[in-house]
Amino acid sequence: MRIAHSKLTAQGQISVPAEVRRRLGLGPGAVLEWEEQGGKVTVRRAGLYSSEDIHRALFRKQPPRQTLEQLKAGLKRYVKKRRARS
């Protein structure tokens, strides 16, 4: 079943149709795999999970929002603790 079609440019580039991007969950920077098997070429999203998917799975609960000053203070405490001599 055909979902969409693309046109090849002189530079060998194609545009991935919006419907295909939506179905595969593709966004900017997504990597596609091309596989040839039995005279047919299959294109699919590389890898099972994006870094965003993994982050959501590891950190299900959103951390509380912090101001820039709070983030800087936290980094300062962390670096100070890491550099403290035992």
N, C-alpha and C. Protein backbone atom coordinates (compact mmCIF):
# COMPACT_ATOMS: atom_id res chain seq x y z
N MET A 1 0.84 -1.18 0.00
CA MET A 1 0.00 0.00 0.00
C MET A 1 0.88 1.24 0.00
N ARG A 2 0.69 2.11 -0.94
CA ARG A 2 1.49 3.33 -1.06
C ARG A 2 0.91 4.39 -0.13
N ILE A 3 1.78 5.05 0.66
CA ILE A 3 1.34 6.12 1.55
C ILE A 3 1.60 7.47 0.89
N ALA A 4 2.76 7.60 0.24
CA ALA A 4 3.16 8.86 -0.36
C ALA A 4 4.27 8.60 -1.36
N HIS A 5 4.73 9.64 -2.03
CA HIS A 5 5.87 9.49 -2.93
C HIS A 5 6.77 10.71 -2.78
N SER A 6 8.03 10.55 -3.18
CA SER A 6 9.02 11.62 -3.11
C SER A 6 9.72 11.73 -4.45
N LYS A 7 10.33 12.87 -4.69
CA LYS A 7 11.08 13.09 -5.92
C LYS A 7 12.56 13.27 -5.57
N LEU A 8 13.42 12.63 -6.30
CA LEU A 8 14.86 12.70 -6.08
C LEU A 8 15.42 13.95 -6.75
N THR A 9 16.24 14.72 -6.03
CA THR A 9 16.86 15.91 -6.61
C THR A 9 18.13 15.52 -7.35
N ALA A 10 18.70 16.46 -8.08
CA ALA A 10 19.95 16.22 -8.81
C ALA A 10 21.09 15.91 -7.86
N GLN A 11 20.99 16.36 -6.61
CA GLN A 11 22.03 16.10 -5.61
C GLN A 11 21.81 14.78 -4.88
N GLY A 12 20.78 14.02 -5.27
CA GLY A 12 20.51 12.73 -4.65
C GLY A 12 19.74 12.84 -3.35
N GLN A 13 19.04 13.95 -3.13
CA GLN A 13 18.28 14.14 -1.89
C GLN A 13 16.80 13.91 -2.14
N ILE A 14 16.11 13.52 -1.07
CA ILE A 14 14.67 13.37 -1.13
C ILE A 14 14.06 14.08 0.06
N SER A 15 12.79 14.43 -0.06
CA SER A 15 12.02 14.95 1.07
C SER A 15 11.16 13.81 1.59
N VAL A 16 11.14 13.64 2.89
CA VAL A 16 10.29 12.60 3.48
C VAL A 16 8.91 13.22 3.66
N PRO A 17 7.89 12.64 3.04
CA PRO A 17 6.54 13.21 3.14
C PRO A 17 6.06 13.31 4.58
N ALA A 18 5.22 14.31 4.85
CA ALA A 18 4.72 14.57 6.20
C ALA A 18 4.04 13.34 6.80
N GLU A 19 3.25 12.62 6.02
CA GLU A 19 2.55 11.43 6.54
C GLU A 19 3.55 10.37 7.00
N VAL A 20 4.63 10.19 6.26
CA VAL A 20 5.65 9.20 6.64
C VAL A 20 6.37 9.67 7.89
N ARG A 21 6.72 10.95 7.95
CA ARG A 21 7.38 11.49 9.16
C ARG A 21 6.50 11.29 10.38
N ARG A 22 5.21 11.55 10.22
CA ARG A 22 4.29 11.40 11.34
C ARG A 22 4.21 9.95 11.78
N ARG A 23 4.05 9.03 10.84
CA ARG A 23 3.93 7.60 11.18
C ARG A 23 5.18 7.05 11.84
N LEU A 24 6.35 7.52 11.39
CA LEU A 24 7.61 7.03 11.95
C LEU A 24 8.09 7.84 13.14
N GLY A 25 7.42 8.92 13.44
CA GLY A 25 7.83 9.77 14.56
C GLY A 25 9.15 10.46 14.29
N LEU A 26 9.33 10.92 13.06
CA LEU A 26 10.59 11.55 12.67
C LEU A 26 10.56 13.04 12.91
N GLY A 27 11.71 13.57 13.29
CA GLY A 27 11.87 15.00 13.47
C GLY A 27 13.22 15.40 12.94
N PRO A 28 13.57 16.67 13.07
CA PRO A 28 14.89 17.13 12.60
C PRO A 28 16.01 16.32 13.25
N GLY A 29 16.95 15.90 12.45
CA GLY A 29 18.09 15.12 12.95
C GLY A 29 17.84 13.63 13.04
N ALA A 30 16.62 13.19 12.70
CA ALA A 30 16.31 11.75 12.75
C ALA A 30 17.17 11.01 11.72
N VAL A 31 17.53 9.79 12.06
CA VAL A 31 18.35 8.97 11.18
C VAL A 31 17.49 7.85 10.61
N LEU A 32 17.60 7.65 9.30
CA LEU A 32 16.85 6.59 8.64
C LEU A 32 17.79 5.48 8.21
N GLU A 33 17.31 4.25 8.27
CA GLU A 33 18.07 3.09 7.79
C GLU A 33 17.45 2.63 6.48
N TRP A 34 18.30 2.30 5.52
CA TRP A 34 17.85 1.79 4.23
C TRP A 34 18.35 0.36 4.12
N GLU A 35 17.45 -0.56 3.86
CA GLU A 35 17.82 -1.97 3.78
C GLU A 35 17.27 -2.58 2.49
N GLU A 36 18.15 -3.27 1.77
CA GLU A 36 17.74 -3.93 0.53
C GLU A 36 17.58 -5.41 0.80
N GLN A 37 16.44 -5.95 0.39
CA GLN A 37 16.17 -7.37 0.64
C GLN A 37 15.24 -7.88 -0.46
N GLY A 38 15.71 -8.87 -1.20
CA GLY A 38 14.88 -9.47 -2.24
C GLY A 38 14.44 -8.50 -3.31
N GLY A 39 15.31 -7.58 -3.70
CA GLY A 39 14.98 -6.63 -4.75
C GLY A 39 14.12 -5.47 -4.30
N LYS A 40 13.79 -5.38 -3.00
CA LYS A 40 13.02 -4.27 -2.46
C LYS A 40 13.86 -3.52 -1.44
N VAL A 41 13.65 -2.22 -1.37
CA VAL A 41 14.36 -1.39 -0.41
C VAL A 41 13.36 -0.93 0.65
N THR A 42 13.74 -1.14 1.91
CA THR A 42 12.90 -0.74 3.03
C THR A 42 13.59 0.41 3.75
N VAL A 43 12.82 1.43 4.09
CA VAL A 43 13.34 2.57 4.85
C VAL A 43 12.64 2.57 6.20
N ARG A 44 13.42 2.71 7.27
CA ARG A 44 12.83 2.76 8.60
C ARG A 44 13.65 3.68 9.49
N ARG A 45 13.04 4.04 10.56
CA ARG A 45 13.72 4.87 11.56
C ARG A 45 14.82 4.05 12.21
N ALA A 46 16.02 4.61 12.29
CA ALA A 46 17.15 3.91 12.91
C ALA A 46 16.96 3.90 14.42
N GLY A 47 17.28 2.79 15.05
CA GLY A 47 17.16 2.69 16.49
C GLY A 47 15.72 2.62 16.94
N LEU A 48 15.53 2.05 18.10
CA LEU A 48 14.18 1.91 18.61
C LEU A 48 13.70 3.13 19.36
N TYR A 49 14.63 3.80 20.01
CA TYR A 49 14.24 4.90 20.88
C TYR A 49 15.13 6.12 20.66
N SER A 50 14.55 7.29 20.75
CA SER A 50 15.32 8.52 20.67
C SER A 50 15.84 8.84 22.08
N SER A 51 16.77 9.77 22.16
CA SER A 51 17.28 10.16 23.48
C SER A 51 16.15 10.78 24.31
N GLU A 52 15.21 11.41 23.64
CA GLU A 52 14.06 11.99 24.34
C GLU A 52 13.19 10.89 24.94
N ASP A 53 12.99 9.79 24.20
CA ASP A 53 12.20 8.66 24.71
C ASP A 53 12.87 8.05 25.94
N ILE A 54 14.17 7.89 25.88
CA ILE A 54 14.91 7.30 27.00
C ILE A 54 14.85 8.22 28.22
N HIS A 55 15.00 9.52 27.99
CA HIS A 55 14.93 10.48 29.10
C HIS A 55 13.57 10.41 29.78
N ARG A 56 12.49 10.37 28.98
CA ARG A 56 11.15 10.29 29.55
C ARG A 56 10.96 9.00 30.35
N ALA A 57 11.55 7.89 29.88
CA ALA A 57 11.41 6.62 30.59
C ALA A 57 12.18 6.63 31.91
N LEU A 58 13.36 7.25 31.92
CA LEU A 58 14.18 7.29 33.13
C LEU A 58 13.67 8.30 34.14
N PHE A 59 13.16 9.41 33.66
CA PHE A 59 12.75 10.50 34.53
C PHE A 59 11.27 10.79 34.31
N ARG A 60 10.43 9.86 34.75
CA ARG A 60 8.99 9.98 34.52
C ARG A 60 8.41 11.23 35.19
N LYS A 61 8.89 11.53 36.39
CA LYS A 61 8.39 12.69 37.12
C LYS A 61 9.21 13.91 36.72
N GLN A 62 8.52 14.94 36.27
CA GLN A 62 9.20 16.17 35.88
C GLN A 62 9.80 16.85 37.11
N PRO A 63 11.07 17.26 37.05
CA PRO A 63 11.64 17.98 38.18
C PRO A 63 11.01 19.36 38.29
N PRO A 64 11.00 19.93 39.50
CA PRO A 64 10.41 21.26 39.65
C PRO A 64 11.20 22.28 38.84
N ARG A 65 10.51 23.26 38.28
CA ARG A 65 11.17 24.31 37.49
C ARG A 65 12.03 25.16 38.42
N GLN A 66 13.20 25.53 37.91
CA GLN A 66 14.12 26.36 38.70
C GLN A 66 14.53 27.57 37.90
N THR A 67 14.89 28.62 38.62
CA THR A 67 15.38 29.83 37.96
C THR A 67 16.83 29.60 37.56
N LEU A 68 17.34 30.47 36.71
CA LEU A 68 18.73 30.38 36.29
C LEU A 68 19.66 30.50 37.49
N GLU A 69 19.33 31.38 38.43
CA GLU A 69 20.16 31.56 39.63
C GLU A 69 20.21 30.28 40.47
N GLN A 70 19.06 29.59 40.58
CA GLN A 70 19.02 28.33 41.33
C GLN A 70 19.87 27.26 40.64
N LEU A 71 19.81 27.20 39.31
CA LEU A 71 20.62 26.22 38.57
C LEU A 71 22.11 26.49 38.75
N LYS A 72 22.49 27.77 38.64
CA LYS A 72 23.90 28.13 38.81
C LYS A 72 24.39 27.81 40.22
N ALA A 73 23.56 28.08 41.23
CA ALA A 73 23.93 27.79 42.61
C ALA A 73 24.09 26.28 42.81
N GLY A 74 23.21 25.51 42.23
CA GLY A 74 23.31 24.05 42.32
C GLY A 74 24.57 23.52 41.67
N LEU A 75 24.91 24.05 40.50
CA LEU A 75 26.15 23.64 39.83
C LEU A 75 27.37 24.02 40.65
N LYS A 76 27.34 25.20 41.24
CA LYS A 76 28.45 25.67 42.07
C LYS A 76 28.65 24.74 43.27
N ARG A 77 27.54 24.35 43.92
CA ARG A 77 27.63 23.42 45.07
C ARG A 77 28.19 22.06 44.62
N TYR A 78 27.72 21.59 43.47
CA TYR A 78 28.17 20.30 42.96
C TYR A 78 29.67 20.31 42.67
N VAL A 79 30.14 21.34 41.97
CA VAL A 79 31.56 21.43 41.62
C VAL A 79 32.40 21.58 42.88
N LYS A 80 31.94 22.39 43.82
CA LYS A 80 32.67 22.58 45.08
C LYS A 80 32.80 21.26 45.84
N LYS A 81 31.72 20.50 45.86
CA LYS A 81 31.73 19.20 46.55
C LYS A 81 32.67 18.22 45.85
N ARG A 82 32.66 18.21 44.51
CA ARG A 82 33.49 17.29 43.73
C ARG A 82 34.98 17.61 43.89
N ARG A 83 35.29 18.88 44.04
CA ARG A 83 36.70 19.31 44.13
C ARG A 83 37.22 19.34 45.54
N ALA A 84 36.35 19.09 46.52
CA ALA A 84 36.78 19.10 47.93
C ALA A 84 37.77 17.99 48.16
N ARG A 85 38.82 18.30 48.87
CA ARG A 85 39.84 17.29 49.16
C ARG A 85 39.46 16.52 50.42
N SER A 86 39.63 15.21 50.37
CA SER A 86 39.27 14.37 51.51
C SER A 86 40.32 14.38 52.58
